Amino acid sequence: MSEPLTVEIWSDVQCPWCYIGKRRFETALADSGERVAITYRSFELAPDTPVDYDGTPADYLSERKGISREQAAEMMAHVTGLAAQEGLAYDFDHVHQTNTVLAHELLHLARERGLQAELKERLLAAYFEQGRHVGRVEELVALGTDVGLDPEEIRAALADHRYLPAVKADTAQAAAYGIRGVPFYVFDGALGVSGAQSPETFVAALAQAREARDSASAGAGATA
């Protein structure tokens, strides 16, 4: 059986398109039957955001993009509708805009414990659908415990920031790749796909990455 393709996904847990893209990519995997090994990489959309932002998501979007609150509300309504098509129930009325660096640190701990995929899904659902505050330590402890992480290890890791260098390394790699927005997918370290693309686009990217892998393997075999 062929080895799985590697897929690195740069994303943020407060990125609405990242959750939509996750569902579309999952559909593509089911449709293609391709085997992949996924790693979620850190990308902070707004590293300057305080943990306890004093305002609504509409306020935040209005300030950040320089648009009216009405325009911001329209944008959120649009993305909510697209999310619903993927079976996601976004609830922006109860979203807590926050700083996500601790959530990214926790995702690196989860990766080491083989639970990164489970935690990524838990954090996204908590943020967009359940009104949970993913910037606070005790909330992250609870969410991490939900997927099987040890609560005391979570507290210790978030207290001493042992995974912060890994978060920064992901950010540096994103900059080296020229990534300016998320989600961003890198297949086998070579093929990049930006945005919450359609399942069909992801299927094509998977096929292209597999073809490149097979061609490289064939070439190596011919020269051996």
N, C-alpha and C. Protein backbone atom coordinates (compact mmCIF):
# COMPACT_ATOMS: atom_id res chain seq x y z
N MET A 1 0.85 -1.20 0.00
CA MET A 1 0.00 0.00 0.00
C MET A 1 0.88 1.25 0.00
N SER A 2 0.51 2.24 -0.80
CA SER A 2 1.31 3.45 -0.91
C SER A 2 1.29 4.23 0.40
N GLU A 3 2.38 4.94 0.64
CA GLU A 3 2.48 5.78 1.83
C GLU A 3 1.51 6.97 1.70
N PRO A 4 0.96 7.43 2.82
CA PRO A 4 0.04 8.57 2.75
C PRO A 4 0.74 9.85 2.32
N LEU A 5 0.02 10.70 1.64
CA LEU A 5 0.53 12.03 1.32
C LEU A 5 0.59 12.85 2.60
N THR A 6 1.53 13.76 2.68
CA THR A 6 1.55 14.70 3.80
C THR A 6 0.78 15.95 3.41
N VAL A 7 -0.04 16.42 4.33
CA VAL A 7 -0.80 17.65 4.11
C VAL A 7 -0.62 18.53 5.34
N GLU A 8 -0.01 19.69 5.14
CA GLU A 8 0.15 20.67 6.21
C GLU A 8 -0.89 21.76 5.98
N ILE A 9 -1.62 22.09 7.03
CA ILE A 9 -2.70 23.08 6.91
C ILE A 9 -2.43 24.23 7.88
N TRP A 10 -2.13 25.39 7.32
CA TRP A 10 -1.99 26.59 8.14
C TRP A 10 -3.39 27.17 8.35
N SER A 11 -3.74 27.42 9.61
CA SER A 11 -5.08 27.93 9.90
C SER A 11 -5.10 28.55 11.29
N ASP A 12 -6.22 29.19 11.60
CA ASP A 12 -6.43 29.77 12.93
C ASP A 12 -7.78 29.29 13.43
N VAL A 13 -7.89 29.09 14.73
CA VAL A 13 -9.14 28.57 15.28
C VAL A 13 -10.26 29.61 15.31
N GLN A 14 -9.94 30.87 14.99
CA GLN A 14 -11.01 31.87 14.89
C GLN A 14 -11.18 32.34 13.44
N CYS A 15 -10.77 31.48 12.51
CA CYS A 15 -10.93 31.78 11.08
C CYS A 15 -12.16 31.04 10.57
N PRO A 16 -13.24 31.75 10.20
CA PRO A 16 -14.46 31.07 9.76
C PRO A 16 -14.26 30.26 8.49
N TRP A 17 -13.39 30.74 7.60
CA TRP A 17 -13.13 30.01 6.36
C TRP A 17 -12.35 28.73 6.62
N CYS A 18 -11.58 28.71 7.71
CA CYS A 18 -10.79 27.51 8.02
C CYS A 18 -11.68 26.33 8.39
N TYR A 19 -12.76 26.59 9.11
CA TYR A 19 -13.69 25.52 9.48
C TYR A 19 -14.45 25.04 8.25
N ILE A 20 -14.87 25.98 7.41
CA ILE A 20 -15.53 25.62 6.16
C ILE A 20 -14.58 24.80 5.28
N GLY A 21 -13.34 25.27 5.17
CA GLY A 21 -12.35 24.54 4.38
C GLY A 21 -12.08 23.16 4.93
N LYS A 22 -12.11 23.03 6.24
CA LYS A 22 -11.90 21.72 6.86
C LYS A 22 -12.97 20.73 6.42
N ARG A 23 -14.21 21.16 6.44
CA ARG A 23 -15.30 20.29 6.03
C ARG A 23 -15.20 19.94 4.53
N ARG A 24 -14.86 20.91 3.72
CA ARG A 24 -14.75 20.66 2.29
C ARG A 24 -13.59 19.70 2.00
N PHE A 25 -12.50 19.86 2.73
CA PHE A 25 -11.36 18.97 2.53
C PHE A 25 -11.71 17.55 2.99
N GLU A 26 -12.45 17.44 4.07
CA GLU A 26 -12.89 16.12 4.52
C GLU A 26 -13.78 15.45 3.48
N THR A 27 -14.62 16.23 2.83
CA THR A 27 -15.45 15.69 1.74
C THR A 27 -14.57 15.20 0.60
N ALA A 28 -13.55 15.98 0.28
CA ALA A 28 -12.63 15.60 -0.79
C ALA A 28 -11.90 14.30 -0.46
N LEU A 29 -11.48 14.15 0.78
CA LEU A 29 -10.80 12.92 1.17
C LEU A 29 -11.72 11.72 1.02
N ALA A 30 -12.97 11.87 1.44
CA ALA A 30 -13.93 10.78 1.32
C ALA A 30 -14.19 10.44 -0.14
N ASP A 31 -14.28 11.46 -0.98
CA ASP A 31 -14.56 11.24 -2.40
C ASP A 31 -13.37 10.61 -3.12
N SER A 32 -12.16 11.02 -2.73
CA SER A 32 -10.96 10.56 -3.44
C SER A 32 -10.45 9.21 -2.95
N GLY A 33 -10.73 8.90 -1.69
CA GLY A 33 -10.18 7.68 -1.11
C GLY A 33 -8.69 7.78 -0.83
N GLU A 34 -8.13 8.96 -0.96
CA GLU A 34 -6.70 9.17 -0.75
C GLU A 34 -6.35 9.07 0.74
N ARG A 35 -5.16 8.58 1.02
CA ARG A 35 -4.67 8.50 2.39
C ARG A 35 -3.72 9.66 2.63
N VAL A 36 -3.95 10.38 3.74
CA VAL A 36 -3.12 11.54 4.04
C VAL A 36 -2.73 11.54 5.51
N ALA A 37 -1.62 12.20 5.78
CA ALA A 37 -1.18 12.47 7.15
C ALA A 37 -1.22 13.98 7.32
N ILE A 38 -2.16 14.46 8.12
CA ILE A 38 -2.41 15.89 8.26
C ILE A 38 -1.70 16.46 9.48
N THR A 39 -1.05 17.60 9.29
CA THR A 39 -0.49 18.38 10.39
C THR A 39 -1.07 19.78 10.33
N TYR A 40 -1.63 20.23 11.44
CA TYR A 40 -2.14 21.60 11.50
C TYR A 40 -1.03 22.53 11.97
N ARG A 41 -0.79 23.56 11.18
CA ARG A 41 0.24 24.55 11.48
C ARG A 41 -0.39 25.84 11.98
N SER A 42 0.36 26.56 12.79
CA SER A 42 -0.16 27.77 13.45
C SER A 42 -0.09 28.99 12.54
N PHE A 43 -1.18 29.75 12.55
CA PHE A 43 -1.23 31.04 11.87
C PHE A 43 -2.18 31.92 12.66
N GLU A 44 -1.66 33.00 13.23
CA GLU A 44 -2.50 33.92 14.00
C GLU A 44 -2.99 35.04 13.09
N LEU A 45 -4.28 35.09 12.89
CA LEU A 45 -4.84 36.14 12.05
C LEU A 45 -4.69 37.51 12.69
N ALA A 46 -4.76 37.57 14.00
CA ALA A 46 -4.70 38.86 14.70
C ALA A 46 -3.95 38.70 16.02
N PRO A 47 -2.62 38.57 15.96
CA PRO A 47 -1.85 38.35 17.18
C PRO A 47 -1.88 39.50 18.17
N ASP A 48 -2.34 40.66 17.71
CA ASP A 48 -2.41 41.82 18.59
C ASP A 48 -3.74 41.92 19.35
N THR A 49 -4.65 40.98 19.12
CA THR A 49 -5.95 41.01 19.79
C THR A 49 -5.81 40.65 21.26
N PRO A 50 -6.42 41.40 22.16
CA PRO A 50 -6.35 41.03 23.58
C PRO A 50 -7.14 39.77 23.86
N VAL A 51 -6.80 39.08 24.94
CA VAL A 51 -7.52 37.87 25.31
C VAL A 51 -9.00 38.17 25.51
N ASP A 52 -9.29 39.25 26.19
CA ASP A 52 -10.68 39.64 26.43
C ASP A 52 -10.98 40.91 25.62
N TYR A 53 -11.31 40.71 24.37
CA TYR A 53 -11.63 41.82 23.48
C TYR A 53 -12.95 42.45 23.90
N ASP A 54 -12.95 43.77 24.01
CA ASP A 54 -14.12 44.49 24.48
C ASP A 54 -14.98 44.92 23.29
N GLY A 55 -15.75 43.98 22.78
CA GLY A 55 -16.60 44.28 21.64
C GLY A 55 -17.13 43.01 21.01
N THR A 56 -17.94 43.16 20.00
CA THR A 56 -18.54 42.03 19.30
C THR A 56 -17.67 41.66 18.10
N PRO A 57 -17.91 40.48 17.51
CA PRO A 57 -17.20 40.14 16.27
C PRO A 57 -17.44 41.18 15.17
N ALA A 58 -18.65 41.75 15.12
CA ALA A 58 -18.93 42.79 14.12
C ALA A 58 -18.09 44.03 14.38
N ASP A 59 -17.94 44.40 15.66
CA ASP A 59 -17.08 45.53 16.02
C ASP A 59 -15.65 45.27 15.57
N TYR A 60 -15.18 44.06 15.86
CA TYR A 60 -13.81 43.70 15.53
C TYR A 60 -13.58 43.76 14.02
N LEU A 61 -14.48 43.15 13.27
CA LEU A 61 -14.33 43.11 11.81
C LEU A 61 -14.41 44.52 11.23
N SER A 62 -15.29 45.33 11.78
CA SER A 62 -15.42 46.71 11.33
C SER A 62 -14.13 47.48 11.55
N GLU A 63 -13.55 47.34 12.74
CA GLU A 63 -12.31 48.04 13.06
C GLU A 63 -11.15 47.55 12.21
N ARG A 64 -11.05 46.24 12.05
CA ARG A 64 -9.89 45.66 11.37
C ARG A 64 -9.90 45.93 9.87
N LYS A 65 -11.08 45.90 9.27
CA LYS A 65 -11.17 46.07 7.82
C LYS A 65 -11.58 47.48 7.40
N GLY A 66 -11.87 48.32 8.39
CA GLY A 66 -12.25 49.69 8.06
C GLY A 66 -13.57 49.79 7.33
N ILE A 67 -14.53 48.98 7.77
CA ILE A 67 -15.86 48.97 7.16
C ILE A 67 -16.90 49.27 8.23
N SER A 68 -18.13 49.50 7.80
CA SER A 68 -19.19 49.78 8.76
C SER A 68 -19.61 48.50 9.48
N ARG A 69 -20.27 48.66 10.64
CA ARG A 69 -20.77 47.48 11.35
C ARG A 69 -21.81 46.76 10.51
N GLU A 70 -22.56 47.52 9.72
CA GLU A 70 -23.56 46.89 8.87
C GLU A 70 -22.90 46.00 7.81
N GLN A 71 -21.84 46.51 7.22
CA GLN A 71 -21.11 45.71 6.24
C GLN A 71 -20.49 44.47 6.90
N ALA A 72 -19.97 44.66 8.11
CA ALA A 72 -19.40 43.53 8.83
C ALA A 72 -20.46 42.48 9.12
N ALA A 73 -21.63 42.93 9.52
CA ALA A 73 -22.73 42.00 9.80
C ALA A 73 -23.14 41.24 8.54
N GLU A 74 -23.14 41.93 7.41
CA GLU A 74 -23.48 41.27 6.15
C GLU A 74 -22.44 40.20 5.80
N MET A 75 -21.17 40.50 6.04
CA MET A 75 -20.10 39.53 5.77
C MET A 75 -20.27 38.30 6.64
N MET A 76 -20.60 38.52 7.91
CA MET A 76 -20.77 37.39 8.82
C MET A 76 -22.00 36.57 8.45
N ALA A 77 -23.06 37.24 8.01
CA ALA A 77 -24.25 36.51 7.59
C ALA A 77 -23.95 35.66 6.36
N HIS A 78 -23.15 36.19 5.47
CA HIS A 78 -22.78 35.45 4.25
C HIS A 78 -21.99 34.19 4.61
N VAL A 79 -20.98 34.35 5.46
CA VAL A 79 -20.14 33.20 5.80
C VAL A 79 -20.93 32.20 6.65
N THR A 80 -21.87 32.68 7.44
CA THR A 80 -22.73 31.78 8.21
C THR A 80 -23.56 30.90 7.29
N GLY A 81 -24.04 31.50 6.21
CA GLY A 81 -24.82 30.73 5.24
C GLY A 81 -23.98 29.68 4.54
N LEU A 82 -22.75 30.02 4.20
CA LEU A 82 -21.86 29.05 3.56
C LEU A 82 -21.49 27.93 4.53
N ALA A 83 -21.29 28.30 5.79
CA ALA A 83 -20.98 27.29 6.79
C ALA A 83 -22.13 26.31 6.95
N ALA A 84 -23.36 26.83 6.91
CA ALA A 84 -24.54 25.98 7.06
C ALA A 84 -24.60 24.93 5.96
N GLN A 85 -24.13 25.29 4.77
CA GLN A 85 -24.12 24.33 3.67
C GLN A 85 -23.17 23.17 3.94
N GLU A 86 -22.21 23.38 4.85
CA GLU A 86 -21.27 22.32 5.22
C GLU A 86 -21.67 21.64 6.53
N GLY A 87 -22.90 21.95 7.01
CA GLY A 87 -23.38 21.33 8.24
C GLY A 87 -22.88 21.99 9.51
N LEU A 88 -22.39 23.22 9.40
CA LEU A 88 -21.86 23.95 10.56
C LEU A 88 -22.84 25.05 10.98
N ALA A 89 -23.04 25.18 12.29
CA ALA A 89 -24.00 26.15 12.82
C ALA A 89 -23.26 27.30 13.50
N TYR A 90 -22.76 28.24 12.70
CA TYR A 90 -22.05 29.38 13.27
C TYR A 90 -23.01 30.24 14.09
N ASP A 91 -22.51 30.72 15.24
CA ASP A 91 -23.32 31.54 16.14
C ASP A 91 -22.49 32.76 16.54
N PHE A 92 -22.41 33.73 15.62
CA PHE A 92 -21.57 34.90 15.87
C PHE A 92 -22.10 35.76 17.02
N ASP A 93 -23.37 35.62 17.39
CA ASP A 93 -23.90 36.40 18.50
C ASP A 93 -23.22 36.02 19.82
N HIS A 94 -22.64 34.83 19.88
CA HIS A 94 -22.03 34.37 21.13
C HIS A 94 -20.53 34.08 20.99
N VAL A 95 -19.94 34.48 19.87
CA VAL A 95 -18.50 34.28 19.67
C VAL A 95 -17.71 35.24 20.56
N HIS A 96 -16.65 34.72 21.16
CA HIS A 96 -15.73 35.55 21.96
C HIS A 96 -14.46 35.80 21.15
N GLN A 97 -14.38 37.00 20.56
CA GLN A 97 -13.16 37.37 19.85
C GLN A 97 -12.02 37.39 20.85
N THR A 98 -10.87 36.79 20.49
CA THR A 98 -9.82 36.67 21.48
C THR A 98 -8.46 36.49 20.82
N ASN A 99 -7.43 36.41 21.62
CA ASN A 99 -6.09 36.07 21.16
C ASN A 99 -5.96 34.55 21.16
N THR A 100 -5.44 33.98 20.08
CA THR A 100 -5.45 32.52 19.94
C THR A 100 -4.09 31.86 20.13
N VAL A 101 -3.09 32.60 20.60
CA VAL A 101 -1.76 31.99 20.69
C VAL A 101 -1.74 30.78 21.62
N LEU A 102 -2.47 30.84 22.74
CA LEU A 102 -2.50 29.70 23.66
C LEU A 102 -3.17 28.49 23.03
N ALA A 103 -4.20 28.73 22.23
CA ALA A 103 -4.85 27.63 21.53
C ALA A 103 -3.87 26.96 20.57
N HIS A 104 -3.03 27.76 19.91
CA HIS A 104 -2.03 27.20 19.01
C HIS A 104 -0.97 26.40 19.79
N GLU A 105 -0.58 26.93 20.93
CA GLU A 105 0.38 26.19 21.77
C GLU A 105 -0.21 24.84 22.16
N LEU A 106 -1.49 24.83 22.51
CA LEU A 106 -2.14 23.59 22.91
C LEU A 106 -2.23 22.61 21.74
N LEU A 107 -2.43 23.11 20.55
CA LEU A 107 -2.48 22.23 19.38
C LEU A 107 -1.15 21.52 19.15
N HIS A 108 -0.06 22.18 19.50
CA HIS A 108 1.25 21.52 19.37
C HIS A 108 1.42 20.43 20.43
N LEU A 109 0.93 20.68 21.62
CA LEU A 109 0.94 19.61 22.63
C LEU A 109 0.09 18.44 22.14
N ALA A 110 -1.08 18.73 21.61
CA ALA A 110 -1.97 17.67 21.13
C ALA A 110 -1.32 16.87 20.01
N ARG A 111 -0.54 17.55 19.17
CA ARG A 111 0.14 16.83 18.10
C ARG A 111 1.10 15.80 18.68
N GLU A 112 1.85 16.19 19.69
CA GLU A 112 2.78 15.26 20.31
C GLU A 112 2.07 14.08 20.96
N ARG A 113 0.84 14.27 21.36
CA ARG A 113 0.09 13.20 22.02
C ARG A 113 -0.83 12.45 21.04
N GLY A 114 -0.71 12.77 19.75
CA GLY A 114 -1.52 12.08 18.75
C GLY A 114 -2.97 12.47 18.73
N LEU A 115 -3.28 13.68 19.22
CA LEU A 115 -4.68 14.11 19.34
C LEU A 115 -4.93 15.47 18.67
N GLN A 116 -4.05 15.84 17.74
CA GLN A 116 -4.19 17.17 17.15
C GLN A 116 -5.46 17.32 16.33
N ALA A 117 -5.80 16.33 15.53
CA ALA A 117 -7.01 16.42 14.70
C ALA A 117 -8.25 16.56 15.57
N GLU A 118 -8.29 15.78 16.65
CA GLU A 118 -9.44 15.83 17.56
C GLU A 118 -9.54 17.21 18.23
N LEU A 119 -8.40 17.75 18.64
CA LEU A 119 -8.43 19.05 19.31
C LEU A 119 -8.78 20.16 18.34
N LYS A 120 -8.27 20.09 17.12
CA LYS A 120 -8.60 21.13 16.14
C LYS A 120 -10.11 21.22 15.93
N GLU A 121 -10.74 20.08 15.75
CA GLU A 121 -12.19 20.05 15.59
C GLU A 121 -12.89 20.59 16.83
N ARG A 122 -12.40 20.20 18.00
CA ARG A 122 -13.03 20.64 19.26
C ARG A 122 -12.93 22.15 19.41
N LEU A 123 -11.79 22.72 19.10
CA LEU A 123 -11.60 24.16 19.26
C LEU A 123 -12.47 24.94 18.28
N LEU A 124 -12.54 24.49 17.05
CA LEU A 124 -13.35 25.18 16.05
C LEU A 124 -14.83 25.15 16.42
N ALA A 125 -15.31 23.99 16.84
CA ALA A 125 -16.72 23.88 17.24
C ALA A 125 -16.99 24.74 18.47
N ALA A 126 -16.05 24.73 19.41
CA ALA A 126 -16.22 25.51 20.63
C ALA A 126 -16.32 27.01 20.32
N TYR A 127 -15.46 27.47 19.42
CA TYR A 127 -15.41 28.89 19.11
C TYR A 127 -16.61 29.35 18.28
N PHE A 128 -16.90 28.63 17.21
CA PHE A 128 -17.91 29.11 16.26
C PHE A 128 -19.34 28.69 16.58
N GLU A 129 -19.50 27.57 17.27
CA GLU A 129 -20.85 27.04 17.46
C GLU A 129 -21.32 27.07 18.92
N GLN A 130 -20.38 27.11 19.87
CA GLN A 130 -20.76 26.91 21.26
C GLN A 130 -20.47 28.09 22.18
N GLY A 131 -19.96 29.18 21.64
CA GLY A 131 -19.72 30.37 22.45
C GLY A 131 -18.69 30.20 23.53
N ARG A 132 -17.73 29.30 23.33
CA ARG A 132 -16.69 29.08 24.33
C ARG A 132 -15.55 30.09 24.11
N HIS A 133 -14.83 30.38 25.18
CA HIS A 133 -13.76 31.39 25.15
C HIS A 133 -12.41 30.67 25.02
N VAL A 134 -11.91 30.55 23.79
CA VAL A 134 -10.72 29.74 23.54
C VAL A 134 -9.41 30.49 23.82
N GLY A 135 -9.50 31.66 24.43
CA GLY A 135 -8.29 32.39 24.79
C GLY A 135 -7.91 32.23 26.25
N ARG A 136 -8.79 31.65 27.04
CA ARG A 136 -8.55 31.51 28.49
C ARG A 136 -8.03 30.13 28.83
N VAL A 137 -7.09 30.11 29.76
CA VAL A 137 -6.41 28.86 30.11
C VAL A 137 -7.38 27.79 30.57
N GLU A 138 -8.25 28.11 31.51
CA GLU A 138 -9.13 27.07 32.06
C GLU A 138 -10.12 26.54 31.03
N GLU A 139 -10.54 27.38 30.11
CA GLU A 139 -11.40 26.91 29.04
C GLU A 139 -10.64 25.96 28.13
N LEU A 140 -9.39 26.29 27.85
CA LEU A 140 -8.56 25.41 27.02
C LEU A 140 -8.27 24.10 27.74
N VAL A 141 -8.10 24.16 29.05
CA VAL A 141 -7.91 22.93 29.82
C VAL A 141 -9.13 22.03 29.66
N ALA A 142 -10.31 22.62 29.76
CA ALA A 142 -11.55 21.84 29.64
C ALA A 142 -11.69 21.25 28.24
N LEU A 143 -11.41 22.05 27.22
CA LEU A 143 -11.55 21.57 25.85
C LEU A 143 -10.51 20.51 25.52
N GLY A 144 -9.29 20.71 26.02
CA GLY A 144 -8.26 19.70 25.81
C GLY A 144 -8.58 18.40 26.50
N THR A 145 -9.13 18.50 27.70
CA THR A 145 -9.52 17.31 28.45
C THR A 145 -10.62 16.55 27.71
N ASP A 146 -11.48 17.28 27.03
CA ASP A 146 -12.56 16.66 26.26
C ASP A 146 -12.04 15.65 25.24
N VAL A 147 -10.84 15.92 24.68
CA VAL A 147 -10.32 15.03 23.63
C VAL A 147 -9.27 14.05 24.16
N GLY A 148 -9.05 14.06 25.48
CA GLY A 148 -8.17 13.06 26.07
C GLY A 148 -6.82 13.54 26.54
N LEU A 149 -6.57 14.85 26.50
CA LEU A 149 -5.31 15.38 27.03
C LEU A 149 -5.38 15.46 28.55
N ASP A 150 -4.22 15.41 29.17
CA ASP A 150 -4.15 15.48 30.62
C ASP A 150 -4.27 16.94 31.08
N PRO A 151 -5.20 17.26 31.96
CA PRO A 151 -5.42 18.66 32.34
C PRO A 151 -4.21 19.31 33.01
N GLU A 152 -3.49 18.55 33.83
CA GLU A 152 -2.33 19.14 34.50
C GLU A 152 -1.20 19.39 33.51
N GLU A 153 -1.06 18.51 32.53
CA GLU A 153 -0.04 18.75 31.50
C GLU A 153 -0.40 19.98 30.68
N ILE A 154 -1.68 20.16 30.40
CA ILE A 154 -2.11 21.35 29.67
C ILE A 154 -1.75 22.60 30.45
N ARG A 155 -2.11 22.63 31.73
CA ARG A 155 -1.83 23.82 32.56
C ARG A 155 -0.34 24.12 32.58
N ALA A 156 0.47 23.09 32.76
CA ALA A 156 1.92 23.30 32.84
C ALA A 156 2.47 23.81 31.51
N ALA A 157 2.01 23.24 30.41
CA ALA A 157 2.50 23.64 29.09
C ALA A 157 2.11 25.07 28.75
N LEU A 158 0.90 25.47 29.12
CA LEU A 158 0.45 26.82 28.82
C LEU A 158 1.08 27.84 29.77
N ALA A 159 1.47 27.38 30.95
CA ALA A 159 2.11 28.27 31.92
C ALA A 159 3.55 28.60 31.52
N ASP A 160 4.28 27.58 31.05
CA ASP A 160 5.69 27.85 30.72
C ASP A 160 5.92 28.08 29.23
N HIS A 161 4.84 28.01 28.45
CA HIS A 161 4.90 28.33 27.01
C HIS A 161 5.94 27.49 26.28
N ARG A 162 6.04 26.23 26.61
CA ARG A 162 7.05 25.37 26.00
C ARG A 162 6.82 25.16 24.50
N TYR A 163 5.60 25.39 24.05
CA TYR A 163 5.31 25.20 22.63
C TYR A 163 5.27 26.50 21.83
N LEU A 164 5.55 27.61 22.49
CA LEU A 164 5.55 28.89 21.78
C LEU A 164 6.60 28.93 20.67
N PRO A 165 7.81 28.37 20.87
CA PRO A 165 8.77 28.34 19.76
C PRO A 165 8.23 27.59 18.54
N ALA A 166 7.45 26.54 18.76
CA ALA A 166 6.88 25.79 17.64
C ALA A 166 5.85 26.63 16.91
N VAL A 167 5.07 27.41 17.66
CA VAL A 167 4.10 28.32 17.03
C VAL A 167 4.84 29.34 16.17
N LYS A 168 5.91 29.90 16.71
CA LYS A 168 6.68 30.89 15.97
C LYS A 168 7.34 30.28 14.74
N ALA A 169 7.77 29.03 14.86
CA ALA A 169 8.38 28.35 13.71
C ALA A 169 7.37 28.16 12.59
N ASP A 170 6.15 27.81 12.95
CA ASP A 170 5.09 27.68 11.94
C ASP A 170 4.84 29.02 11.25
N THR A 171 4.81 30.08 12.05
CA THR A 171 4.58 31.42 11.51
C THR A 171 5.70 31.82 10.55
N ALA A 172 6.94 31.49 10.93
CA ALA A 172 8.09 31.80 10.08
C ALA A 172 8.03 31.01 8.77
N GLN A 173 7.63 29.76 8.85
CA GLN A 173 7.51 28.94 7.65
C GLN A 173 6.42 29.48 6.73
N ALA A 174 5.33 29.93 7.33
CA ALA A 174 4.26 30.53 6.53
C ALA A 174 4.78 31.75 5.77
N ALA A 175 5.56 32.57 6.45
CA ALA A 175 6.13 33.76 5.81
C ALA A 175 7.08 33.36 4.68
N ALA A 176 7.86 32.30 4.90
CA ALA A 176 8.79 31.82 3.87
C ALA A 176 8.04 31.33 2.64
N TYR A 177 6.89 30.72 2.86
CA TYR A 177 6.05 30.26 1.74
C TYR A 177 5.27 31.39 1.07
N GLY A 178 5.25 32.54 1.72
CA GLY A 178 4.46 33.65 1.19
C GLY A 178 2.99 33.58 1.54
N ILE A 179 2.66 32.85 2.60
CA ILE A 179 1.27 32.71 3.03
C ILE A 179 0.84 33.98 3.75
N ARG A 180 -0.22 34.58 3.26
CA ARG A 180 -0.73 35.81 3.88
C ARG A 180 -2.13 35.65 4.42
N GLY A 181 -2.78 34.55 4.12
CA GLY A 181 -4.13 34.30 4.61
C GLY A 181 -4.34 32.81 4.75
N VAL A 182 -5.35 32.46 5.51
CA VAL A 182 -5.63 31.05 5.75
C VAL A 182 -7.12 30.78 5.53
N PRO A 183 -7.45 29.50 5.24
CA PRO A 183 -6.58 28.33 5.32
C PRO A 183 -5.63 28.24 4.11
N PHE A 184 -4.51 27.58 4.34
CA PHE A 184 -3.54 27.33 3.28
C PHE A 184 -3.03 25.91 3.43
N TYR A 185 -3.11 25.16 2.34
CA TYR A 185 -2.77 23.74 2.35
C TYR A 185 -1.50 23.50 1.56
N VAL A 186 -0.58 22.72 2.11
CA VAL A 186 0.64 22.34 1.40
C VAL A 186 0.68 20.83 1.31
N PHE A 187 0.65 20.32 0.07
CA PHE A 187 0.63 18.89 -0.19
C PHE A 187 2.04 18.39 -0.48
N ASP A 188 2.49 17.44 0.34
CA ASP A 188 3.80 16.82 0.16
C ASP A 188 4.94 17.85 0.08
N GLY A 189 4.76 18.96 0.77
CA GLY A 189 5.80 19.97 0.83
C GLY A 189 6.06 20.70 -0.47
N ALA A 190 5.17 20.51 -1.47
CA ALA A 190 5.45 21.08 -2.78
C ALA A 190 4.29 21.84 -3.40
N LEU A 191 3.09 21.33 -3.26
CA LEU A 191 1.93 21.93 -3.93
C LEU A 191 1.10 22.72 -2.92
N GLY A 192 0.91 24.02 -3.17
CA GLY A 192 0.14 24.86 -2.27
C GLY A 192 -1.24 25.18 -2.82
N VAL A 193 -2.24 25.15 -1.94
CA VAL A 193 -3.60 25.51 -2.31
C VAL A 193 -4.11 26.50 -1.26
N SER A 194 -4.57 27.65 -1.71
CA SER A 194 -5.02 28.70 -0.80
C SER A 194 -6.54 28.77 -0.75
N GLY A 195 -7.07 28.89 0.45
CA GLY A 195 -8.49 29.15 0.61
C GLY A 195 -9.34 27.92 0.83
N ALA A 196 -10.60 28.16 1.21
CA ALA A 196 -11.58 27.08 1.44
C ALA A 196 -12.15 26.66 0.09
N GLN A 197 -11.35 25.94 -0.67
CA GLN A 197 -11.73 25.57 -2.03
C GLN A 197 -12.85 24.52 -2.03
N SER A 198 -13.39 24.28 -3.20
CA SER A 198 -14.42 23.27 -3.34
C SER A 198 -13.82 21.88 -3.16
N PRO A 199 -14.62 20.89 -2.78
CA PRO A 199 -14.10 19.52 -2.70
C PRO A 199 -13.46 19.07 -4.01
N GLU A 200 -14.02 19.49 -5.14
CA GLU A 200 -13.48 19.09 -6.44
C GLU A 200 -12.06 19.63 -6.63
N THR A 201 -11.83 20.84 -6.19
CA THR A 201 -10.48 21.42 -6.30
C THR A 201 -9.51 20.66 -5.42
N PHE A 202 -9.94 20.31 -4.22
CA PHE A 202 -9.07 19.54 -3.33
C PHE A 202 -8.79 18.14 -3.88
N VAL A 203 -9.80 17.52 -4.48
CA VAL A 203 -9.60 16.20 -5.09
C VAL A 203 -8.54 16.28 -6.18
N ALA A 204 -8.63 17.32 -6.99
CA ALA A 204 -7.64 17.50 -8.06
C ALA A 204 -6.24 17.73 -7.49
N ALA A 205 -6.16 18.50 -6.41
CA ALA A 205 -4.86 18.75 -5.79
C ALA A 205 -4.28 17.45 -5.22
N LEU A 206 -5.12 16.64 -4.61
CA LEU A 206 -4.66 15.36 -4.08
C LEU A 206 -4.15 14.46 -5.20
N ALA A 207 -4.86 14.44 -6.30
CA ALA A 207 -4.44 13.62 -7.44
C ALA A 207 -3.12 14.12 -8.01
N GLN A 208 -2.97 15.44 -8.08
CA GLN A 208 -1.73 16.01 -8.60
C GLN A 208 -0.55 15.68 -7.68
N ALA A 209 -0.78 15.79 -6.38
CA ALA A 209 0.28 15.48 -5.42
C ALA A 209 0.65 14.00 -5.48
N ARG A 210 -0.34 13.13 -5.63
CA ARG A 210 -0.06 11.70 -5.73
C ARG A 210 0.71 11.39 -7.01
N GLU A 211 0.32 12.02 -8.11
CA GLU A 211 1.02 11.79 -9.37
C GLU A 211 2.48 12.23 -9.27
N ALA A 212 2.71 13.39 -8.63
CA ALA A 212 4.07 13.87 -8.46
C ALA A 212 4.87 12.91 -7.58
N ARG A 213 4.26 12.41 -6.53
CA ARG A 213 4.92 11.44 -5.65
C ARG A 213 5.30 10.18 -6.43
N ASP A 214 4.34 9.65 -7.20
CA ASP A 214 4.58 8.42 -7.95
C ASP A 214 5.66 8.61 -9.01
N SER A 215 5.65 9.78 -9.66
CA SER A 215 6.66 10.06 -10.69
C SER A 215 8.05 10.15 -10.08
N ALA A 216 8.13 10.80 -8.91
CA ALA A 216 9.42 10.88 -8.23
C ALA A 216 9.92 9.53 -7.80
N SER A 217 9.01 8.68 -7.34
CA SER A 217 9.40 7.34 -6.91
C SER A 217 9.86 6.50 -8.10
N ALA A 218 9.16 6.65 -9.22
CA ALA A 218 9.53 5.91 -10.43
C ALA A 218 10.89 6.34 -10.94
N GLY A 219 11.14 7.67 -10.88
CA GLY A 219 12.42 8.20 -11.32
C GLY A 219 13.57 7.72 -10.44
N ALA A 220 13.30 7.67 -9.13
CA ALA A 220 14.34 7.20 -8.21
C ALA A 220 14.63 5.73 -8.45
N GLY A 221 13.57 4.97 -8.75
CA GLY A 221 13.76 3.54 -9.01
C GLY A 221 14.56 3.31 -10.28
N ALA A 222 14.36 4.15 -11.28
CA ALA A 222 15.04 3.98 -12.56
C ALA A 222 16.53 4.29 -12.46
N THR A 223 16.89 5.17 -11.53
CA THR A 223 18.31 5.55 -11.39
C THR A 223 19.03 4.70 -10.37
N ALA A 224 18.28 3.89 -9.63
CA ALA A 224 18.92 3.08 -8.60
C ALA A 224 19.73 1.94 -9.21
